[in-house]
Protein backbone atom coordinates (compact mmCIF):
# COMPACT_ATOMS: atom_id res chain seq x y z
CA MET A 1 4.84 14.66 70.16
CA ASP A 2 3.71 18.25 70.73
CA ALA A 3 4.21 17.90 74.48
CA ARG A 4 7.90 17.01 73.83
CA GLY A 5 8.49 19.77 71.27
CA LEU A 6 9.06 17.36 68.37
CA GLU A 7 8.15 18.10 64.83
CA ALA A 8 7.71 15.47 62.08
CA GLN A 9 9.96 15.69 59.17
CA GLU A 10 7.50 13.78 56.98
CA LYS A 11 3.82 12.97 57.48
CA VAL A 12 2.07 10.35 55.43
CA PRO A 13 -1.73 10.51 55.16
CA ALA A 14 -3.73 7.45 56.20
CA SER A 15 -5.03 7.18 52.62
CA ARG A 16 -1.48 6.15 51.45
CA LYS A 17 -1.16 2.52 52.31
CA LEU A 18 2.32 1.43 53.51
CA GLY A 19 2.70 -2.30 53.61
CA ARG A 20 5.37 -5.01 54.10
CA ASP A 21 7.69 -3.76 51.45
CA VAL A 22 8.03 -0.39 53.25
CA ALA A 23 8.35 -2.05 56.69
CA GLU A 24 11.20 -4.31 55.36
CA SER A 25 12.90 -1.33 53.74
CA MET A 26 12.74 0.62 56.96
CA LEU A 27 14.09 -2.44 58.88
CA ALA A 28 17.00 -2.73 56.54
CA GLU A 29 18.12 0.87 57.48
CA SER A 30 17.63 0.44 61.19
CA THR A 31 19.65 -0.89 64.17
CA ALA A 32 16.72 -1.24 66.52
CA LEU A 33 12.92 -1.65 66.49
CA HIS A 34 10.75 -1.07 69.47
CA VAL A 35 7.11 -2.03 69.09
CA ALA A 36 4.36 -1.04 71.55
CA LYS A 37 1.06 -2.90 71.60
CA GLY A 38 -0.84 -1.59 74.68
CA LYS A 39 1.46 -2.02 77.60
CA LYS A 40 3.47 -4.79 75.87
CA LEU A 41 6.85 -3.68 74.53
CA THR A 42 8.91 -5.77 72.15
CA THR A 43 12.41 -4.97 70.96
CA PHE A 44 14.24 -6.33 67.85
CA LYS A 45 18.02 -5.74 67.43
CA GLY A 46 20.77 -7.37 65.31
CA ASP A 47 19.76 -10.31 63.15
CA ALA A 48 16.15 -10.25 64.60
CA LEU A 49 15.55 -7.07 62.66
CA GLN A 50 15.55 -8.98 59.39
CA SER A 51 13.12 -11.51 60.61
CA SER A 52 9.54 -11.94 59.32
CA GLU A 53 8.47 -11.48 62.91
CA ALA A 54 9.90 -7.94 63.06
CA ALA A 55 8.08 -6.96 59.86
CA ASP A 56 4.93 -8.54 61.20
CA ALA A 57 5.09 -6.50 64.35
CA MET A 58 5.18 -3.35 62.43
CA LEU A 59 1.96 -4.17 60.53
CA GLY A 60 -1.62 -3.92 61.62
CA PRO A 61 -4.41 -6.37 60.93
CA THR A 62 -5.00 -4.90 57.44
CA GLY A 63 -1.29 -5.49 56.53
CA ASN A 64 -0.53 -1.68 56.68
CA LEU A 65 2.15 -0.02 58.76
CA ARG A 66 0.88 0.70 62.30
CA ALA A 67 0.66 4.23 63.55
CA PRO A 68 2.46 6.02 64.86
CA THR A 69 5.66 4.87 63.28
CA LEU A 70 8.65 7.00 64.01
CA ARG A 71 12.19 6.87 62.88
CA VAL A 72 14.71 8.45 65.29
CA GLY A 73 18.11 8.20 63.78
CA LYS A 74 18.49 4.42 63.16
CA THR A 75 15.85 3.40 65.62
CA LEU A 76 12.17 2.68 64.76
CA LEU A 77 9.38 3.16 67.23
CA VAL A 78 5.96 1.64 66.25
CA GLY A 79 2.87 2.21 68.36
CA PHE A 80 2.48 4.47 71.34
CA ASN A 81 3.64 3.76 74.84
CA GLU A 82 4.35 6.57 77.32
CA GLU A 83 7.25 4.73 78.99
CA LEU A 84 8.96 4.15 75.64
CA PHE A 85 8.59 7.65 74.55
CA THR A 86 9.93 9.02 77.78
CA LYS A 87 12.87 6.66 77.52
CA VAL A 88 13.70 7.76 73.94
CA PHE A 89 12.76 11.50 74.10
CA GLY A 90 12.76 12.47 77.67
CA PRO A 91 9.81 13.52 79.85
CA ALA A 92 6.94 15.55 78.44
CA ASP A 93 6.70 19.19 79.49
């Protein structure tokens, strides 16, 4: 995020556990979810945002929200993928 000149509005420490209830709440306020797991990208839009599959994609093996999780307007980005970040934020400096 530093390479793109972005600054977080809110940082949540790893000690604060954010689970399925938080994921579902974030999905309810969103119009798109992009999930990166390695090189695999999955996108959820429309009715698919309210599916259990979308919430599951946001959670790690411990049941907590995966990092990084970013909200850009009404779009959620979960996990890191350079291609996705470039698409959303533009190229890094």
